Every structure is written in C-alpha cells, then in structure tokens.
Amino acid sequence: DSELAAALVLARRRRVGPYRTSPDPDAAEQARELGVLARAGFSRDVSERALAMPQDEAERRIHDLRR
C-alpha cells in the first residue's frame, strides 16, 4: 500500500511512530503524532497503522515503495 509507505516516510522524517526516540509515548504525544500525519493528509486508519508498526517492518515497506 503506497499510502501507508508514504506515511511511514513522513514518520521517519518527523521521528514519530516506529522512529520515535521515547519508547512509551503518553496520550498527548500520541495525539501529536496523529496530528503530524493528519495535517499531511493521511486518514486516521493509515496514520494509526503507520504509528503502530514495528520499525523493521516500516523500513521494509519504505524500501518496497522505492523499488
């Protein structure tokens, strides 16, 4: 899914979701991360999937997008 991969590229650039530096974000941090993706035009479903994805899977999906 290219939209999910695009959301992951943004997550990596903004260091949110699988790329965050803090291991356990609080509710405010989770809302901020959803907002980052929402302002970029991603649906809530895509945003939540991207933010919950493990980093290794996220990297694989980004790599697959660039093929």
PDB file of N, CA and C in Angstrom:
ATOM      1  N   ASP A   1       0.846  -1.183   0.000  1.00  0.00           N
ATOM      2  CA  ASP A   1       0.000   0.000   0.000  1.00  0.00           C
ATOM      3  C   ASP A   1       0.889   1.243   0.000  1.00  0.00           C
ATOM      4  N   SER A   2       0.856   1.974  -1.071  1.00  0.00           N
ATOM      5  CA  SER A   2       1.759   3.116  -1.223  1.00  0.00           C
ATOM      6  C   SER A   2       1.426   4.257  -0.267  1.00  0.00           C
ATOM      7  N   GLU A   3       0.151   4.407   0.094  1.00  0.00           N
ATOM      8  CA  GLU A   3      -0.207   5.477   1.035  1.00  0.00           C
ATOM      9  C   GLU A   3       0.395   5.204   2.414  1.00  0.00           C
ATOM     10  N   LEU A   4       0.351   3.957   2.837  1.00  0.00           N
ATOM     11  CA  LEU A   4       0.949   3.589   4.120  1.00  0.00           C
ATOM     12  C   LEU A   4       2.460   3.816   4.079  1.00  0.00           C
ATOM     13  N   ALA A   5       3.089   3.432   2.998  1.00  0.00           N
ATOM     14  CA  ALA A   5       4.535   3.635   2.870  1.00  0.00           C
ATOM     15  C   ALA A   5       4.878   5.121   2.880  1.00  0.00           C
ATOM     16  N   ALA A   6       4.057   5.936   2.238  1.00  0.00           N
ATOM     17  CA  ALA A   6       4.294   7.382   2.244  1.00  0.00           C
ATOM     18  C   ALA A   6       4.146   7.944   3.655  1.00  0.00           C
ATOM     19  N   ALA A   7       3.180   7.440   4.407  1.00  0.00           N
ATOM     20  CA  ALA A   7       3.013   7.870   5.800  1.00  0.00           C
ATOM     21  C   ALA A   7       4.234   7.472   6.624  1.00  0.00           C
ATOM     22  N   LEU A   8       4.791   6.319   6.332  1.00  0.00           N
ATOM     23  CA  LEU A   8       5.981   5.865   7.052  1.00  0.00           C
ATOM     24  C   LEU A   8       7.199   6.722   6.717  1.00  0.00           C
ATOM     25  N   VAL A   9       7.294   7.168   5.480  1.00  0.00           N
ATOM     26  CA  VAL A   9       8.392   8.065   5.102  1.00  0.00           C
ATOM     27  C   VAL A   9       8.297   9.353   5.921  1.00  0.00           C
ATOM     28  N   LEU A  10       7.095   9.893   6.040  1.00  0.00           N
ATOM     29  CA  LEU A  10       6.901  11.099   6.847  1.00  0.00           C
ATOM     30  C   LEU A  10       7.194  10.817   8.319  1.00  0.00           C
ATOM     31  N   ALA A  11       6.756   9.671   8.809  1.00  0.00           N
ATOM     32  CA  ALA A  11       7.019   9.310  10.207  1.00  0.00           C
ATOM     33  C   ALA A  11       8.517   9.243  10.471  1.00  0.00           C
ATOM     34  N   ARG A  12       9.250   8.702   9.530  1.00  0.00           N
ATOM     35  CA  ARG A  12      10.706   8.622   9.700  1.00  0.00           C
ATOM     36  C   ARG A  12      11.321  10.021   9.707  1.00  0.00           C
ATOM     37  N   ARG A  13      10.860  10.867   8.795  1.00  0.00           N
ATOM     38  CA  ARG A  13      11.402  12.225   8.718  1.00  0.00           C
ATOM     39  C   ARG A  13      11.089  13.030   9.980  1.00  0.00           C
ATOM     40  N   ARG A  14       9.885  12.842  10.531  1.00  0.00           N
ATOM     41  CA  ARG A  14       9.469  13.590  11.718  1.00  0.00           C
ATOM     42  C   ARG A  14       9.773  12.861  13.031  1.00  0.00           C
ATOM     43  N   ARG A  15      10.334  11.658  12.930  1.00  0.00           N
ATOM     44  CA  ARG A  15      10.700  10.842  14.097  1.00  0.00           C
ATOM     45  C   ARG A  15       9.511  10.570  15.012  1.00  0.00           C
ATOM     46  N   VAL A  16       8.458  10.046  14.393  1.00  0.00           N
ATOM     47  CA  VAL A  16       7.270   9.643  15.140  1.00  0.00           C
ATOM     48  C   VAL A  16       6.980   8.179  14.854  1.00  0.00           C
ATOM     49  N   GLY A  17       6.076   7.608  15.626  1.00  0.00           N
ATOM     50  CA  GLY A  17       5.706   6.209  15.413  1.00  0.00           C
ATOM     51  C   GLY A  17       6.884   5.286  15.607  1.00  0.00           C
ATOM     52  N   PRO A  18       7.178   4.457  14.620  1.00  0.00           N
ATOM     53  CA  PRO A  18       8.277   3.498  14.769  1.00  0.00           C
ATOM     54  C   PRO A  18       9.646   4.161  14.931  1.00  0.00           C
ATOM     55  N   TYR A  19       9.731   5.435  14.619  1.00  0.00           N
ATOM     56  CA  TYR A  19      11.013   6.145  14.649  1.00  0.00           C
ATOM     57  C   TYR A  19      11.148   7.095  15.832  1.00  0.00           C
ATOM     58  N   ARG A  20      10.206   7.032  16.767  1.00  0.00           N
ATOM     59  CA  ARG A  20      10.282   7.936  17.924  1.00  0.00           C
ATOM     60  C   ARG A  20      11.448   7.540  18.814  1.00  0.00           C
ATOM     61  N   THR A  21      11.952   8.504  19.549  1.00  0.00           N
ATOM     62  CA  THR A  21      13.080   8.230  20.433  1.00  0.00           C
ATOM     63  C   THR A  21      12.628   7.776  21.815  1.00  0.00           C
ATOM     64  N   SER A  22      11.430   8.176  22.238  1.00  0.00           N
ATOM     65  CA  SER A  22      10.922   7.728  23.539  1.00  0.00           C
ATOM     66  C   SER A  22      10.151   6.424  23.349  1.00  0.00           C
ATOM     67  N   PRO A  23      10.393   5.440  24.196  1.00  0.00           N
ATOM     68  CA  PRO A  23       9.786   4.125  23.988  1.00  0.00           C
ATOM     69  C   PRO A  23       8.275   4.081  24.223  1.00  0.00           C
ATOM     70  N   ASP A  24       7.771   4.798  25.214  1.00  0.00           N
ATOM     71  CA  ASP A  24       6.346   4.742  25.547  1.00  0.00           C
ATOM     72  C   ASP A  24       5.745   6.143  25.567  1.00  0.00           C
ATOM     73  N   PRO A  25       5.152   6.560  24.457  1.00  0.00           N
ATOM     74  CA  PRO A  25       4.576   7.908  24.425  1.00  0.00           C
ATOM     75  C   PRO A  25       3.302   7.984  25.268  1.00  0.00           C
ATOM     76  N   ASP A  26       3.081   9.135  25.879  1.00  0.00           N
ATOM     77  CA  ASP A  26       1.838   9.326  26.624  1.00  0.00           C
ATOM     78  C   ASP A  26       0.730   9.722  25.639  1.00  0.00           C
ATOM     79  N   ALA A  27      -0.460   9.929  26.163  1.00  0.00           N
ATOM     80  CA  ALA A  27      -1.611  10.231  25.308  1.00  0.00           C
ATOM     81  C   ALA A  27      -1.402  11.517  24.512  1.00  0.00           C
ATOM     82  N   ALA A  28      -0.792  12.513  25.123  1.00  0.00           N
ATOM     83  CA  ALA A  28      -0.556  13.778  24.426  1.00  0.00           C
ATOM     84  C   ALA A  28       0.425  13.588  23.270  1.00  0.00           C
ATOM     85  N   GLU A  29       1.450  12.795  23.488  1.00  0.00           N
ATOM     86  CA  GLU A  29       2.436  12.530  22.431  1.00  0.00           C
ATOM     87  C   GLU A  29       1.798  11.735  21.291  1.00  0.00           C
ATOM     88  N   GLN A  30       0.965  10.776  21.626  1.00  0.00           N
ATOM     89  CA  GLN A  30       0.276  10.002  20.592  1.00  0.00           C
ATOM     90  C   GLN A  30      -0.637  10.899  19.763  1.00  0.00           C
ATOM     91  N   ALA A  31      -1.323  11.819  20.423  1.00  0.00           N
ATOM     92  CA  ALA A  31      -2.200  12.746  19.708  1.00  0.00           C
ATOM     93  C   ALA A  31      -1.381  13.660  18.796  1.00  0.00           C
ATOM     94  N   ARG A  32      -0.225  14.105  19.271  1.00  0.00           N
ATOM     95  CA  ARG A  32       0.642  14.953  18.452  1.00  0.00           C
ATOM     96  C   ARG A  32       1.105  14.199  17.212  1.00  0.00           C
ATOM     97  N   GLU A  33       1.485  12.941  17.400  1.00  0.00           N
ATOM     98  CA  GLU A  33       1.944  12.137  16.270  1.00  0.00           C
ATOM     99  C   GLU A  33       0.823  11.916  15.254  1.00  0.00           C
ATOM    100  N   LEU A  34      -0.384  11.645  15.732  1.00  0.00           N
ATOM    101  CA  LEU A  34      -1.522  11.512  14.815  1.00  0.00           C
ATOM    102  C   LEU A  34      -1.747  12.819  14.062  1.00  0.00           C
ATOM    103  N   GLY A  35      -1.589  13.927  14.759  1.00  0.00           N
ATOM    104  CA  GLY A  35      -1.763  15.234  14.133  1.00  0.00           C
ATOM    105  C   GLY A  35      -0.759  15.500  13.031  1.00  0.00           C
ATOM    106  N   VAL A  36       0.468  15.058  13.234  1.00  0.00           N
ATOM    107  CA  VAL A  36       1.509  15.231  12.211  1.00  0.00           C
ATOM    108  C   VAL A  36       1.062  14.572  10.908  1.00  0.00           C
ATOM    109  N   LEU A  37       0.586  13.349  11.012  1.00  0.00           N
ATOM    110  CA  LEU A  37       0.173  12.621   9.812  1.00  0.00           C
ATOM    111  C   LEU A  37      -1.153  13.150   9.262  1.00  0.00           C
ATOM    112  N   ALA A  38      -2.054  13.551  10.144  1.00  0.00           N
ATOM    113  CA  ALA A  38      -3.345  14.088   9.691  1.00  0.00           C
ATOM    114  C   ALA A  38      -3.149  15.384   8.909  1.00  0.00           C
ATOM    115  N   ARG A  39      -2.279  16.252   9.391  1.00  0.00           N
ATOM    116  CA  ARG A  39      -2.025  17.512   8.681  1.00  0.00           C
ATOM    117  C   ARG A  39      -1.396  17.272   7.315  1.00  0.00           C
ATOM    118  N   ALA A  40      -0.747  16.146   7.167  1.00  0.00           N
ATOM    119  CA  ALA A  40      -0.163  15.802   5.866  1.00  0.00           C
ATOM    120  C   ALA A  40      -1.192  15.143   4.947  1.00  0.00           C
ATOM    121  N   GLY A  41      -2.408  14.917   5.463  1.00  0.00           N
ATOM    122  CA  GLY A  41      -3.477  14.398   4.616  1.00  0.00           C
ATOM    123  C   GLY A  41      -3.742  12.910   4.723  1.00  0.00           C
ATOM    124  N   PHE A  42      -3.116  12.240   5.665  1.00  0.00           N
ATOM    125  CA  PHE A  42      -3.335  10.804   5.814  1.00  0.00           C
ATOM    126  C   PHE A  42      -4.566  10.548   6.675  1.00  0.00           C
ATOM    127  N   SER A  43      -5.308   9.510   6.329  1.00  0.00           N
ATOM    128  CA  SER A  43      -6.505   9.161   7.096  1.00  0.00           C
ATOM    129  C   SER A  43      -6.107   8.652   8.477  1.00  0.00           C
ATOM    130  N   ARG A  44      -7.074   8.633   9.368  1.00  0.00           N
ATOM    131  CA  ARG A  44      -6.806   8.148  10.721  1.00  0.00           C
ATOM    132  C   ARG A  44      -6.374   6.683  10.691  1.00  0.00           C
ATOM    133  N   ASP A  45      -7.018   5.890   9.845  1.00  0.00           N
ATOM    134  CA  ASP A  45      -6.680   4.470   9.750  1.00  0.00           C
ATOM    135  C   ASP A  45      -5.226   4.278   9.317  1.00  0.00           C
ATOM    136  N   VAL A  46      -4.832   4.952   8.262  1.00  0.00           N
ATOM    137  CA  VAL A  46      -3.456   4.839   7.767  1.00  0.00           C
ATOM    138  C   VAL A  46      -2.481   5.357   8.820  1.00  0.00           C
ATOM    139  N   SER A  47      -2.823   6.470   9.449  1.00  0.00           N
ATOM    140  CA  SER A  47      -1.947   7.056  10.468  1.00  0.00           C
ATOM    141  C   SER A  47      -1.749   6.105  11.640  1.00  0.00           C
ATOM    142  N   GLU A  48      -2.826   5.528  12.123  1.00  0.00           N
ATOM    143  CA  GLU A  48      -2.717   4.609  13.260  1.00  0.00           C
ATOM    144  C   GLU A  48      -1.914   3.367  12.890  1.00  0.00           C
ATOM    145  N   ARG A  49      -2.120   2.867  11.681  1.00  0.00           N
ATOM    146  CA  ARG A  49      -1.343   1.699  11.243  1.00  0.00           C
ATOM    147  C   ARG A  49       0.140   2.035  11.154  1.00  0.00           C
ATOM    148  N   ALA A  50       0.458   3.197  10.618  1.00  0.00           N
ATOM    149  CA  ALA A  50       1.855   3.603  10.482  1.00  0.00           C
ATOM    150  C   ALA A  50       2.503   3.797  11.849  1.00  0.00           C
ATOM    151  N   LEU A  51       1.798   4.438  12.761  1.00  0.00           N
ATOM    152  CA  LEU A  51       2.370   4.732  14.071  1.00  0.00           C
ATOM    153  C   LEU A  51       2.558   3.479  14.921  1.00  0.00           C
ATOM    154  N   ALA A  52       1.753   2.460  14.689  1.00  0.00           N
ATOM    155  CA  ALA A  52       1.836   1.235  15.488  1.00  0.00           C
ATOM    156  C   ALA A  52       2.795   0.200  14.906  1.00  0.00           C
ATOM    157  N   MET A  53       3.296   0.441  13.721  1.00  0.00           N
ATOM    158  CA  MET A  53       4.115  -0.551  13.031  1.00  0.00           C
ATOM    159  C   MET A  53       5.521  -0.654  13.637  1.00  0.00           C
ATOM    160  N   PRO A  54       6.045  -1.863  13.760  1.00  0.00           N
ATOM    161  CA  PRO A  54       7.442  -2.016  14.208  1.00  0.00           C
ATOM    162  C   PRO A  54       8.404  -1.402  13.186  1.00  0.00           C
ATOM    163  N   GLN A  55       9.521  -0.920  13.669  1.00  0.00           N
ATOM    164  CA  GLN A  55      10.454  -0.208  12.797  1.00  0.00           C
ATOM    165  C   GLN A  55      10.998  -1.080  11.669  1.00  0.00           C
ATOM    166  N   ASP A  56      11.280  -2.344  11.926  1.00  0.00           N
ATOM    167  CA  ASP A  56      11.827  -3.183  10.858  1.00  0.00           C
ATOM    168  C   ASP A  56      10.823  -3.390   9.729  1.00  0.00           C
ATOM    169  N   GLU A  57       9.557  -3.549  10.073  1.00  0.00           N
ATOM    170  CA  GLU A  57       8.536  -3.679   9.036  1.00  0.00           C
ATOM    171  C   GLU A  57       8.350  -2.360   8.292  1.00  0.00           C
ATOM    172  N   ALA A  58       8.422  -1.254   9.013  1.00  0.00           N
ATOM    173  CA  ALA A  58       8.298   0.063   8.384  1.00  0.00           C
ATOM    174  C   ALA A  58       9.413   0.266   7.359  1.00  0.00           C
ATOM    175  N   GLU A  59      10.622  -0.084   7.730  1.00  0.00           N
ATOM    176  CA  GLU A  59      11.749   0.051   6.807  1.00  0.00           C
ATOM    177  C   GLU A  59      11.559  -0.814   5.566  1.00  0.00           C
ATOM    178  N   ARG A  60      11.044  -2.021   5.761  1.00  0.00           N
ATOM    179  CA  ARG A  60      10.807  -2.913   4.626  1.00  0.00           C
ATOM    180  C   ARG A  60       9.778  -2.312   3.678  1.00  0.00           C
ATOM    181  N   ARG A  61       8.714  -1.761   4.226  1.00  0.00           N
ATOM    182  CA  ARG A  61       7.669  -1.168   3.377  1.00  0.00           C
ATOM    183  C   ARG A  61       8.183   0.060   2.633  1.00  0.00           C
ATOM    184  N   ILE A  62       9.005   0.864   3.290  1.00  0.00           N
ATOM    185  CA  ILE A  62       9.586   2.030   2.616  1.00  0.00           C
ATOM    186  C   ILE A  62      10.507   1.561   1.493  1.00  0.00           C
ATOM    187  N   HIS A  63      11.294   0.555   1.775  1.00  0.00           N
ATOM    188  CA  HIS A  63      12.201   0.016   0.764  1.00  0.00           C
ATOM    189  C   HIS A  63      11.417  -0.517  -0.435  1.00  0.00           C
ATOM    190  N   ASP A  64      10.322  -1.227  -0.162  1.00  0.00           N
ATOM    191  CA  ASP A  64       9.495  -1.767  -1.244  1.00  0.00           C
ATOM    192  C   ASP A  64       8.871  -0.658  -2.082  1.00  0.00           C
ATOM    193  N   LEU A  65       8.544   0.462  -1.453  1.00  0.00           N
ATOM    194  CA  LEU A  65       7.963   1.593  -2.178  1.00  0.00           C
ATOM    195  C   LEU A  65       8.956   2.156  -3.187  1.00  0.00           C
ATOM    196  N   ARG A  66      10.215   2.152  -2.843  1.00  0.00           N
ATOM    197  CA  ARG A  66      11.234   2.771  -3.688  1.00  0.00           C
ATOM    198  C   ARG A  66      11.702   1.882  -4.826  1.00  0.00           C
ATOM    199  N   ARG A  67      11.215   0.680  -4.899  1.00  0.00           N
ATOM    200  CA  ARG A  67      11.614  -0.223  -5.992  1.00  0.00           C
ATOM    201  C   ARG A  67      10.968   0.166  -7.274  1.00  0.00           C
TER     202      ARG A  67
END
